C-alpha atoms as a PDB file:
ATOM      1  CA  MET A   1      63.252  55.114  76.769  1.00  0.00           C
ATOM      2  CA  SER A   2      66.222  54.345  74.566  1.00  0.00           C
ATOM      3  CA  GLN A   3      69.365  52.928  75.806  1.00  0.00           C
ATOM      4  CA  ARG A   4      71.118  56.121  74.328  1.00  0.00           C
ATOM      5  CA  ASN A   5      69.261  58.815  76.496  1.00  0.00           C
ATOM      6  CA  ARG A   6      68.919  56.398  79.471  1.00  0.00           C
ATOM      7  CA  PHE A   7      71.714  57.701  81.691  1.00  0.00           C
ATOM      8  CA  PRO A   8      72.465  61.329  80.665  1.00  0.00           C
ATOM      9  CA  GLY A   9      73.506  62.462  83.970  1.00  0.00           C
ATOM     10  CA  THR A  10      76.023  59.666  84.259  1.00  0.00           C
ATOM     11  CA  ARG A  11      77.674  60.666  80.991  1.00  0.00           C
ATOM     12  CA  LEU A  12      77.980  64.162  81.974  1.00  0.00           C
ATOM     13  CA  ALA A  13      79.590  63.184  85.226  1.00  0.00           C
ATOM     14  CA  ILE A  14      82.001  60.942  83.348  1.00  0.00           C
ATOM     15  CA  LEU A  15      83.042  63.709  81.014  1.00  0.00           C
ATOM     16  CA  VAL A  16      83.519  66.114  83.766  1.00  0.00           C
ATOM     17  CA  VAL A  17      85.753  63.593  85.559  1.00  0.00           C
ATOM     18  CA  LEU A  18      87.770  63.096  82.192  1.00  0.00           C
ATOM     19  CA  LEU A  19      87.990  66.764  81.718  1.00  0.00           C
ATOM     20  CA  LEU A  20      89.224  67.493  85.366  1.00  0.00           C
ATOM     21  CA  SER A  21      91.843  64.561  85.042  1.00  0.00           C
ATOM     22  CA  ALA A  22      93.118  65.923  81.842  1.00  0.00           C
ATOM     23  CA  CYS A  23      93.249  69.444  83.055  1.00  0.00           C
ATOM     24  CA  SER A  24      95.003  68.260  86.069  1.00  0.00           C
ATOM     25  CA  ILE A  25      97.886  66.510  84.244  1.00  0.00           C
ATOM     26  CA  ALA A  26      98.202  69.663  81.999  1.00  0.00           C
ATOM     27  CA  LEU A  27      98.474  71.745  85.079  1.00  0.00           C
ATOM     28  CA  ALA A  28     100.807  69.569  86.549  1.00  0.00           C
ATOM     29  CA  LYS A  29     103.059  69.889  83.934  1.00  0.00           C
ATOM     30  CA  GLU A  30     102.762  73.500  83.277  1.00  0.00           C
ATOM     31  CA  GLY A  31     102.008  74.857  86.740  1.00  0.00           C
ATOM     32  CA  ILE A  32      99.434  77.149  88.154  1.00  0.00           C
ATOM     33  CA  PRO A  33     100.234  80.998  88.367  1.00  0.00           C
ATOM     34  CA  LEU A  34     100.128  81.708  91.925  1.00  0.00           C
ATOM     35  CA  GLY A  35      99.753  85.195  93.674  1.00  0.00           C
ATOM     36  CA  LYS A  36     100.292  85.223  97.400  1.00  0.00           C
ATOM     37  CA  ALA A  37      98.032  86.988  99.894  1.00  0.00           C
ATOM     38  CA  GLU A  38      98.478  87.178 103.565  1.00  0.00           C
ATOM     39  CA  HIS A  39      95.826  85.741 105.543  1.00  0.00           C
ATOM     40  CA  LEU A  40      94.759  87.933 108.390  1.00  0.00           C
ATOM     41  CA  PHE A  41      91.877  86.529 110.157  1.00  0.00           C
ATOM     42  CA  ASP A  42      88.371  84.706 109.624  1.00  0.00           C
ATOM     43  CA  LEU A  43      85.060  85.720 110.736  1.00  0.00           C
ATOM     44  CA  ASP A  44      83.437  82.773 111.650  1.00  0.00           C
ATOM     45  CA  LYS A  45      81.571  83.618 114.939  1.00  0.00           C
ATOM     46  CA  GLY A  46      78.327  85.648 115.658  1.00  0.00           C
ATOM     47  CA  PRO A  47      76.748  86.567 119.012  1.00  0.00           C
ATOM     48  CA  ASP A  48      75.474  82.895 119.628  1.00  0.00           C
ATOM     49  CA  GLY A  49      77.827  80.680 118.025  1.00  0.00           C
ATOM     50  CA  PRO A  50      79.234  79.688 114.353  1.00  0.00           C
ATOM     51  CA  LEU A  51      77.938  81.421 111.025  1.00  0.00           C
ATOM     52  CA  SER A  52      75.792  79.196 108.883  1.00  0.00           C
ATOM     53  CA  LEU A  53      75.996  79.567 105.122  1.00  0.00           C
ATOM     54  CA  PRO A  54      77.399  83.042 104.744  1.00  0.00           C
ATOM     55  CA  SER A  55      76.756  84.049 101.104  1.00  0.00           C
ATOM     56  CA  ASP A  56      77.935  87.587 100.786  1.00  0.00           C
ATOM     57  CA  ILE A  57      79.927  90.644 102.212  1.00  0.00           C
ATOM     58  CA  ALA A  58      79.575  94.343 101.670  1.00  0.00           C
ATOM     59  CA  ILE A  59      82.157  96.910 103.233  1.00  0.00           C
ATOM     60  CA  ALA A  60      81.377 100.366 104.162  1.00  0.00           C
ATOM     61  CA  LYS A  61      83.528 103.451 103.499  1.00  0.00           C
ATOM     62  CA  ASP A  62      84.647 103.323 107.210  1.00  0.00           C
ATOM     63  CA  ASN A  63      85.742  99.682 106.627  1.00  0.00           C
ATOM     64  CA  ARG A  64      82.822  98.277 108.723  1.00  0.00           C
ATOM     65  CA  ILE A  65      82.095  94.847 107.584  1.00  0.00           C
ATOM     66  CA  TYR A  66      78.477  93.264 106.917  1.00  0.00           C
ATOM     67  CA  VAL A  67      78.093  89.719 106.301  1.00  0.00           C
ATOM     68  CA  VAL A  68      74.942  87.823 105.242  1.00  0.00           C
ATOM     69  CA  ASP A  69      74.505  84.910 107.624  1.00  0.00           C
ATOM     70  CA  GLY A  70      72.072  83.347 105.403  1.00  0.00           C
ATOM     71  CA  GLY A  71      71.641  80.082 107.276  1.00  0.00           C
ATOM     72  CA  HIS A  72      70.411  82.101 110.401  1.00  0.00           C
ATOM     73  CA  HIS A  73      68.390  84.567 108.133  1.00  0.00           C
ATOM     74  CA  ARG A  74      70.248  87.644 109.207  1.00  0.00           C
ATOM     75  CA  VAL A  75      72.971  90.126 108.727  1.00  0.00           C
ATOM     76  CA  LEU A  76      76.123  90.333 111.026  1.00  0.00           C
ATOM     77  CA  ALA A  77      78.062  93.877 111.256  1.00  0.00           C
ATOM     78  CA  TYR A  78      81.766  93.649 112.345  1.00  0.00           C
ATOM     79  CA  GLY A  79      84.387  96.364 113.012  1.00  0.00           C
ATOM     80  CA  PRO A  80      87.362  96.846 110.667  1.00  0.00           C
ATOM     81  CA  GLU A  81      89.252  94.274 112.578  1.00  0.00           C
ATOM     82  CA  GLY A  82      86.798  91.747 112.941  1.00  0.00           C
ATOM     83  CA  ASP A  83      85.312  92.659 116.203  1.00  0.00           C
ATOM     84  CA  TYR A  84      81.450  91.665 116.279  1.00  0.00           C
ATOM     85  CA  LEU A  85      78.996  94.556 116.628  1.00  0.00           C
ATOM     86  CA  PHE A  86      75.529  93.945 116.064  1.00  0.00           C
ATOM     87  CA  THR A  87      72.928  91.689 114.290  1.00  0.00           C
ATOM     88  CA  ILE A  88      70.353  92.929 111.656  1.00  0.00           C
ATOM     89  CA  GLY A  89      67.162  90.765 111.501  1.00  0.00           C
ATOM     90  CA  LYS A  90      65.981  87.375 112.136  1.00  0.00           C
ATOM     91  CA  ARG A  91      63.858  84.875 110.243  1.00  0.00           C
ATOM     92  CA  GLY A  92      60.564  86.238 109.614  1.00  0.00           C
ATOM     93  CA  ARG A  93      58.407  88.118 107.163  1.00  0.00           C
ATOM     94  CA  ALA A  94      57.715  91.391 109.008  1.00  0.00           C
ATOM     95  CA  LYS A  95      59.864  94.694 108.284  1.00  0.00           C
ATOM     96  CA  GLY A  96      63.468  94.088 109.158  1.00  0.00           C
ATOM     97  CA  GLU A  97      63.292  90.369 109.129  1.00  0.00           C
ATOM     98  CA  PHE A  98      64.630  87.956 106.292  1.00  0.00           C
ATOM     99  CA  MET A  99      63.675  84.734 104.568  1.00  0.00           C
ATOM    100  CA  GLY A 100      66.730  83.469 102.656  1.00  0.00           C
ATOM    101  CA  PRO A 101      68.797  86.641 102.436  1.00  0.00           C
ATOM    102  CA  LEU A 102      71.464  86.235  99.795  1.00  0.00           C
ATOM    103  CA  GLY A 103      73.261  89.571  98.576  1.00  0.00           C
ATOM    104  CA  ILE A 104      74.284  92.918 100.307  1.00  0.00           C
ATOM    105  CA  GLY A 105      75.388  96.124  99.245  1.00  0.00           C
ATOM    106  CA  VAL A 106      76.377  99.591 100.841  1.00  0.00           C
ATOM    107  CA  ASP A 107      75.895 103.055  99.420  1.00  0.00           C
ATOM    108  CA  ASN A 108      78.211 106.066 100.035  1.00  0.00           C
ATOM    109  CA  ALA A 109      75.972 107.297 102.916  1.00  0.00           C
ATOM    110  CA  GLY A 110      76.218 103.859 104.631  1.00  0.00           C
ATOM    111  CA  LEU A 111      72.876 102.547 104.138  1.00  0.00           C
ATOM    112  CA  VAL A 112      72.707  98.761 104.023  1.00  0.00           C
ATOM    113  CA  TYR A 113      70.756  97.096 101.135  1.00  0.00           C
ATOM    114  CA  VAL A 114      69.729  93.259 101.603  1.00  0.00           C
ATOM    115  CA  ALA A 115      68.487  91.131  98.941  1.00  0.00           C
ATOM    116  CA  ASP A 116      65.784  89.426 100.886  1.00  0.00           C
ATOM    117  CA  LYS A 117      65.253  86.578  98.559  1.00  0.00           C
ATOM    118  CA  ASP A 118      62.234  84.450  99.648  1.00  0.00           C
ATOM    119  CA  ASN A 119      60.509  87.652 100.844  1.00  0.00           C
ATOM    120  CA  HIS A 120      60.770  88.929  97.264  1.00  0.00           C
ATOM    121  CA  ARG A 121      62.036  92.371  98.266  1.00  0.00           C
ATOM    122  CA  VAL A 122      65.169  94.433  98.996  1.00  0.00           C
ATOM    123  CA  GLN A 123      65.312  95.839 102.547  1.00  0.00           C
ATOM    124  CA  VAL A 124      67.340  99.023 103.429  1.00  0.00           C
ATOM    125  CA  PHE A 125      69.011  99.721 106.969  1.00  0.00           C
ATOM    126  CA  ASP A 126      70.936 102.661 108.315  1.00  0.00           C
ATOM    127  CA  ARG A 127      74.626 101.855 109.246  1.00  0.00           C
ATOM    128  CA  ASP A 128      73.528 100.641 112.773  1.00  0.00           C
ATOM    129  CA  GLY A 129      70.906  98.288 111.513  1.00  0.00           C
ATOM    130  CA  ALA A 130      67.821 100.368 111.819  1.00  0.00           C
ATOM    131  CA  TYR A 131      65.249  99.642 109.371  1.00  0.00           C
ATOM    132  CA  LYS A 132      64.554 102.347 106.702  1.00  0.00           C
ATOM    133  CA  PHE A 133      62.444 101.175 103.994  1.00  0.00           C
ATOM    134  CA  ASP A 134      61.873  98.274 101.334  1.00  0.00           C
ATOM    135  CA  PHE A 135      60.780  97.904  97.996  1.00  0.00           C
ATOM    136  CA  GLY A 136      59.202  94.663  96.129  1.00  0.00           C
ATOM    137  CA  ILE A 137      60.881  92.822  93.431  1.00  0.00           C
ATOM    138  CA  ARG A 138      58.747  91.609  90.628  1.00  0.00           C
ATOM    139  CA  GLY A 139      59.576  88.694  88.555  1.00  0.00           C
ATOM    140  CA  LYS A 140      58.334  86.878  85.503  1.00  0.00           C
ATOM    141  CA  ASN A 141      54.673  87.577  84.530  1.00  0.00           C
ATOM    142  CA  ALA A 142      54.563  90.063  87.290  1.00  0.00           C
ATOM    143  CA  LYS A 143      54.804  87.348  90.039  1.00  0.00           C
ATOM    144  CA  PRO A 144      57.141  87.987  93.091  1.00  0.00           C
ATOM    145  CA  GLY A 145      60.736  87.761  92.087  1.00  0.00           C
ATOM    146  CA  SER A 146      63.761  86.324  93.151  1.00  0.00           C
ATOM    147  CA  PRO A 147      66.529  88.923  94.132  1.00  0.00           C
ATOM    148  CA  ILE A 148      69.961  87.465  94.462  1.00  0.00           C
ATOM    149  CA  ASP A 149      72.002  90.384  94.851  1.00  0.00           C
ATOM    150  CA  VAL A 150      71.990  94.406  95.226  1.00  0.00           C
ATOM    151  CA  ALA A 151      74.483  97.041  94.559  1.00  0.00           C
ATOM    152  CA  VAL A 152      74.423 100.916  94.582  1.00  0.00           C
ATOM    153  CA  SER A 153      76.251 103.150  92.406  1.00  0.00           C
ATOM    154  CA  SER A 154      78.356 105.678  93.989  1.00  0.00           C
ATOM    155  CA  LYS A 155      78.092 108.118  91.022  1.00  0.00           C
ATOM    156  CA  THR A 156      74.482 108.113  90.328  1.00  0.00           C
ATOM    157  CA  GLY A 157      72.810 106.484  93.575  1.00  0.00           C
ATOM    158  CA  LEU A 158      71.089 103.902  91.328  1.00  0.00           C
ATOM    159  CA  ILE A 159      70.182 100.573  92.824  1.00  0.00           C
ATOM    160  CA  PHE A 160      71.018  97.510  90.661  1.00  0.00           C
ATOM    161  CA  VAL A 161      69.326  94.169  91.457  1.00  0.00           C
ATOM    162  CA  THR A 162      69.813  90.748  89.884  1.00  0.00           C
ATOM    163  CA  GLU A 163      66.638  89.044  89.508  1.00  0.00           C
ATOM    164  CA  ASN A 164      66.492  85.337  88.605  1.00  0.00           C
ATOM    165  CA  THR A 165      63.043  84.489  87.329  1.00  0.00           C
ATOM    166  CA  GLN A 166      63.564  86.675  84.404  1.00  0.00           C
ATOM    167  CA  HIS A 167      67.214  86.249  84.123  1.00  0.00           C
ATOM    168  CA  ARG A 168      67.446  90.184  84.292  1.00  0.00           C
ATOM    169  CA  ILE A 169      69.145  93.105  85.837  1.00  0.00           C
ATOM    170  CA  LEU A 170      66.606  95.664  87.431  1.00  0.00           C
ATOM    171  CA  VAL A 171      67.415  99.288  88.063  1.00  0.00           C
ATOM    172  CA  PHE A 172      65.790 101.421  90.666  1.00  0.00           C
ATOM    173  CA  ASP A 173      65.891 105.005  91.806  1.00  0.00           C
ATOM    174  CA  THR A 174      67.048 105.920  95.209  1.00  0.00           C
ATOM    175  CA  ASP A 175      63.711 105.482  96.560  1.00  0.00           C
ATOM    176  CA  GLY A 176      63.081 102.030  95.336  1.00  0.00           C
ATOM    177  CA  THR A 177      61.234 103.166  92.231  1.00  0.00           C
ATOM    178  CA  LEU A 178      61.738 100.828  89.268  1.00  0.00           C
ATOM    179  CA  LEU A 179      63.286 102.667  86.227  1.00  0.00           C
ATOM    180  CA  GLY A 180      63.716  99.611  83.996  1.00  0.00           C
ATOM    181  CA  GLY A 181      66.584  97.146  83.242  1.00  0.00           C
ATOM    182  CA  TRP A 182      68.098  94.782  80.849  1.00  0.00           C
ATOM    183  CA  GLY A 183      68.579  91.236  79.869  1.00  0.00           C
ATOM    184  CA  LYS A 184      66.655  87.902  79.387  1.00  0.00           C
ATOM    185  CA  GLU A 185      67.328  84.215  79.421  1.00  0.00           C
ATOM    186  CA  GLY A 186      70.109  83.107  76.819  1.00  0.00           C
ATOM    187  CA  VAL A 187      73.606  83.069  75.918  1.00  0.00           C
ATOM    188  CA  GLN A 188      74.067  86.255  74.059  1.00  0.00           C
ATOM    189  CA  ARG A 189      75.996  89.383  75.241  1.00  0.00           C
ATOM    190  CA  LYS A 190      72.981  90.855  76.931  1.00  0.00           C
ATOM    191  CA  GLN A 191      71.410  87.569  78.055  1.00  0.00           C
ATOM    192  CA  PHE A 192      72.019  85.819  81.132  1.00  0.00           C
ATOM    193  CA  ARG A 193      71.485  82.407  82.728  1.00  0.00           C
ATOM    194  CA  TYR A 194      71.011  83.061  86.417  1.00  0.00           C
ATOM    195  CA  PRO A 195      72.871  86.259  87.131  1.00  0.00           C
ATOM    196  CA  GLY A 196      74.229  86.315  90.496  1.00  0.00           C
ATOM    197  CA  THR A 197      76.496  88.622  92.487  1.00  0.00           C
ATOM    198  CA  LEU A 198      77.069  92.189  90.951  1.00  0.00           C
ATOM    199  CA  ILE A 199      78.994  95.178  91.831  1.00  0.00           C
ATOM    200  CA  VAL A 200      79.087  98.870  90.729  1.00  0.00           C
ATOM    201  CA  ARG A 201      82.534 100.449  90.147  1.00  0.00           C
ATOM    202  CA  ASP A 202      83.383 103.620  88.393  1.00  0.00           C
ATOM    203  CA  GLY A 203      80.392 103.673  86.415  1.00  0.00           C
ATOM    204  CA  ASN A 204      80.510  99.893  85.271  1.00  0.00           C
ATOM    205  CA  VAL A 205      78.364  97.174  86.528  1.00  0.00           C
ATOM    206  CA  TYR A 206      80.214  93.679  86.844  1.00  0.00           C
ATOM    207  CA  ILE A 207      77.716  90.725  86.765  1.00  0.00           C
ATOM    208  CA  VAL A 208      78.432  87.119  87.475  1.00  0.00           C
ATOM    209  CA  ASP A 209      76.372  85.234  84.821  1.00  0.00           C
ATOM    210  CA  ILE A 210      76.576  81.794  86.485  1.00  0.00           C
ATOM    211  CA  LEU A 211      75.408  79.272  84.036  1.00  0.00           C
ATOM    212  CA  ASN A 212      77.044  81.115  81.353  1.00  0.00           C
ATOM    213  CA  THR A 213      80.207  80.691  83.365  1.00  0.00           C
ATOM    214  CA  VAL A 214      81.514  84.478  82.675  1.00  0.00           C
ATOM    215  CA  VAL A 215      81.507  87.969  84.515  1.00  0.00           C
ATOM    216  CA  LYS A 216      79.820  90.511  82.058  1.00  0.00           C
ATOM    217  CA  ILE A 217      80.729  94.160  82.342  1.00  0.00           C
ATOM    218  CA  PHE A 218      78.225  96.948  81.204  1.00  0.00           C
ATOM    219  CA  ASP A 219      77.969 100.522  81.745  1.00  0.00           C
ATOM    220  CA  GLU A 220      75.227 101.871  84.054  1.00  0.00           C
ATOM    221  CA  ARG A 221      72.648 102.341  80.978  1.00  0.00           C
ATOM    222  CA  GLY A 222      73.056  98.506  80.315  1.00  0.00           C
ATOM    223  CA  GLN A 223      75.485  98.885  77.331  1.00  0.00           C
ATOM    224  CA  TYR A 224      77.705  95.750  76.973  1.00  0.00           C
ATOM    225  CA  GLN A 225      81.418  96.546  77.630  1.00  0.00           C
ATOM    226  CA  TYR A 226      83.390  93.202  78.106  1.00  0.00           C
ATOM    227  CA  LYS A 227      83.659  89.913  79.555  1.00  0.00           C
ATOM    228  CA  VAL A 228      85.864  88.204  81.915  1.00  0.00           C
ATOM    229  CA  GLY A 229      86.573  84.390  81.585  1.00  0.00           C
ATOM    230  CA  GLU A 230      84.964  81.380  79.945  1.00  0.00           C
ATOM    231  CA  TRP A 231      83.716  77.950  80.472  1.00  0.00           C
ATOM    232  CA  GLY A 232      86.358  75.482  81.611  1.00  0.00           C
ATOM    233  CA  VAL A 233      88.479  74.307  84.444  1.00  0.00           C
ATOM    234  CA  LEU A 234      91.932  75.820  83.531  1.00  0.00           C
ATOM    235  CA  PRO A 235      93.237  79.119  84.918  1.00  0.00           C
ATOM    236  CA  GLY A 236      91.447  81.933  83.517  1.00  0.00           C
ATOM    237  CA  GLN A 237      88.236  79.813  83.025  1.00  0.00           C
ATOM    238  CA  PHE A 238      85.381  79.163  85.399  1.00  0.00           C
ATOM    239  CA  TYR A 239      83.130  76.103  86.039  1.00  0.00           C
ATOM    240  CA  ARG A 240      80.695  77.845  88.420  1.00  0.00           C
ATOM    241  CA  PRO A 241      81.426  81.572  89.155  1.00  0.00           C
ATOM    242  CA  LYS A 242      79.912  83.179  92.143  1.00  0.00           C
ATOM    243  CA  GLY A 243      81.232  86.417  93.357  1.00  0.00           C
ATOM    244  CA  VAL A 244      83.122  89.018  91.965  1.00  0.00           C
ATOM    245  CA  ALA A 245      85.252  92.159  93.417  1.00  0.00           C
ATOM    246  CA  VAL A 246      87.502  94.734  92.254  1.00  0.00           C
ATOM    247  CA  ASP A 247      90.400  96.337  93.886  1.00  0.00           C
ATOM    248  CA  SER A 248      91.801  99.822  93.846  1.00  0.00           C
ATOM    249  CA  HIS A 249      94.070  99.084  91.129  1.00  0.00           C
ATOM    250  CA  GLY A 250      91.060  97.797  88.923  1.00  0.00           C
ATOM    251  CA  TRP A 251      92.143  94.192  89.402  1.00  0.00           C
ATOM    252  CA  ILE A 252      89.157  91.670  89.308  1.00  0.00           C
ATOM    253  CA  TYR A 253      88.696  88.845  91.776  1.00  0.00           C
ATOM    254  CA  VAL A 254      86.266  86.150  91.055  1.00  0.00           C
ATOM    255  CA  THR A 255      85.387  83.062  93.169  1.00  0.00           C
ATOM    256  CA  ASP A 256      84.546  79.783  91.455  1.00  0.00           C
ATOM    257  CA  SER A 257      82.631  77.520  93.969  1.00  0.00           C
ATOM    258  CA  TYR A 258      83.294  74.439  92.375  1.00  0.00           C
ATOM    259  CA  MET A 259      86.834  74.754  91.920  1.00  0.00           C
ATOM    260  CA  ASP A 260      87.085  76.078  95.449  1.00  0.00           C
ATOM    261  CA  VAL A 261      89.402  79.082  94.106  1.00  0.00           C
ATOM    262  CA  VAL A 262      89.797  82.740  93.770  1.00  0.00           C
ATOM    263  CA  GLU A 263      91.017  83.679  90.255  1.00  0.00           C
ATOM    264  CA  VAL A 264      92.520  87.140  89.796  1.00  0.00           C
ATOM    265  CA  PHE A 265      92.466  89.217  86.432  1.00  0.00           C
ATOM    266  CA  ASN A 266      94.273  92.668  85.871  1.00  0.00           C
ATOM    267  CA  SER A 267      92.764  95.784  84.644  1.00  0.00           C
ATOM    268  CA  LYS A 268      92.951  94.589  80.893  1.00  0.00           C
ATOM    269  CA  TYR A 269      90.830  91.721  82.059  1.00  0.00           C
ATOM    270  CA  GLU A 270      93.787  89.369  81.561  1.00  0.00           C
ATOM    271  CA  PHE A 271      94.035  86.379  83.907  1.00  0.00           C
ATOM    272  CA  THR A 272      97.103  86.791  86.166  1.00  0.00           C
ATOM    273  CA  HIS A 273      96.990  84.225  88.905  1.00  0.00           C
ATOM    274  CA  VAL A 274      95.082  82.108  91.395  1.00  0.00           C
ATOM    275  CA  LEU A 275      94.987  83.497  95.048  1.00  0.00           C
ATOM    276  CA  ALA A 276      97.630  81.276  97.050  1.00  0.00           C
ATOM    277  CA  SER A 277      98.678  80.466 100.545  1.00  0.00           C
ATOM    278  CA  GLY A 278     102.368  79.817 100.826  1.00  0.00           C
ATOM    279  CA  ASP A 279     103.517  77.737  97.602  1.00  0.00           C
ATOM    280  CA  GLN A 280      99.953  76.349  97.017  1.00  0.00           C
ATOM    281  CA  LYS A 281      96.797  77.647  95.732  1.00  0.00           C
ATOM    282  CA  HIS A 282      94.464  78.359  98.599  1.00  0.00           C
ATOM    283  CA  LYS A 283      91.739  75.920  99.245  1.00  0.00           C
ATOM    284  CA  PHE A 284      88.401  77.398  99.865  1.00  0.00           C
ATOM    285  CA  PHE A 285      85.175  75.758 100.679  1.00  0.00           C
ATOM    286  CA  ALA A 286      82.398  76.814  98.307  1.00  0.00           C
ATOM    287  CA  PRO A 287      83.458  80.464  97.918  1.00  0.00           C
ATOM    288  CA  ALA A 288      80.565  82.678  97.031  1.00  0.00           C
ATOM    289  CA  GLY A 289      80.463  86.578  97.775  1.00  0.00           C
ATOM    290  CA  ILE A 290      83.607  88.299  97.736  1.00  0.00           C
ATOM    291  CA  ALA A 291      84.611  92.096  98.471  1.00  0.00           C
ATOM    292  CA  VAL A 292      87.515  94.361  98.837  1.00  0.00           C
ATOM    293  CA  ASP A 293      87.828  97.388 101.411  1.00  0.00           C
ATOM    294  CA  SER A 294      89.659 100.618 100.878  1.00  0.00           C
ATOM    295  CA  ARG A 295      92.745  99.101 102.418  1.00  0.00           C
ATOM    296  CA  ASP A 296      92.932  96.254  99.716  1.00  0.00           C
ATOM    297  CA  ARG A 297      91.846  93.709 102.074  1.00  0.00           C
ATOM    298  CA  LEU A 298      89.991  90.688 100.324  1.00  0.00           C
ATOM    299  CA  TYR A 299      87.057  89.228 101.995  1.00  0.00           C
ATOM    300  CA  VAL A 300      85.819  85.772 100.897  1.00  0.00           C
ATOM    301  CA  ALA A 301      82.534  84.189 101.952  1.00  0.00           C
ATOM    302  CA  GLU A 302      83.010  80.391 102.192  1.00  0.00           C
ATOM    303  CA  MET A 303      79.578  79.087 102.386  1.00  0.00           C
ATOM    304  CA  LEU A 304      80.415  75.349 103.213  1.00  0.00           C
ATOM    305  CA  GLY A 305      83.235  76.684 105.310  1.00  0.00           C
ATOM    306  CA  ASN A 306      80.809  78.695 107.548  1.00  0.00           C
ATOM    307  CA  LYS A 307      83.211  81.598 107.756  1.00  0.00           C
ATOM    308  CA  VAL A 308      84.547  84.829 105.913  1.00  0.00           C
ATOM    309  CA  SER A 309      88.311  84.554 105.126  1.00  0.00           C
ATOM    310  CA  VAL A 310      90.202  87.958 105.209  1.00  0.00           C
ATOM    311  CA  PHE A 311      93.525  88.586 103.376  1.00  0.00           C
ATOM    312  CA  LYS A 312      95.733  91.457 102.789  1.00  0.00           C
ATOM    313  CA  LEU A 313      96.410  91.806  99.163  1.00  0.00           C
ATOM    314  CA  ARG A 314      99.306  94.359  98.909  1.00  0.00           C
END
């Protein structure tokens, strides 16, 4: 092996450190735009102890909170003020059980949809956690797929799933029948590199395109609309985006699990600020899934913090 190609990982690490150092100096001079949010409480306990690697949150219309407690292969339900209600599932492959669940969504009727990644399916439960039905996710070459997240349109009832082996968005009817989808691996507008969290709001589908380091916005037919962010470590840029949410004013919230921040963009897709506590940017621990409820409360799943942090935005 040539000396030139012997340590590519080391060279990349050095470049990243230099980039971060240069950006830190620039930010120290110019300052980071901060937007204050009031911390209300944390969800960090289940029925039998601390959460483990929580990855995503979904909020029902009545503000009931559902958290994917991934390290324990289950979903926990809480009341609007954070009181524990019940548990859905456990580790396993039977109906109503999970293996590596990641993403979660809730529809208008209160049904709960869970991306059961390592069981290669989406499972559906009623609002009280009773199993309803499931549908399988196929990936590349018709092999079992890897569903990462699931979201349901409030307008059409269509179910949208991010699937990683094909780098594709799959679209299902209300009964789990596959209708089609869009995307493939790549860097173009309608291509993805490991699509992750997605949400559907007002006829638009917001998709975190993780390795392309942007949030892409499509209509429900798969027509490209716009993008938010770009690669980098400056405000308005992403290094490893993971979660996306939209509030009642159309403002967009994006977690960056490498930079440990939540960045905020207005309804015109312009960067406005980083979420702050007091006079400092709020330090999260590997933030992933994120959600906003009808009261404009923001929920951030901190995977390495083993908790969900809850804030009042306005």
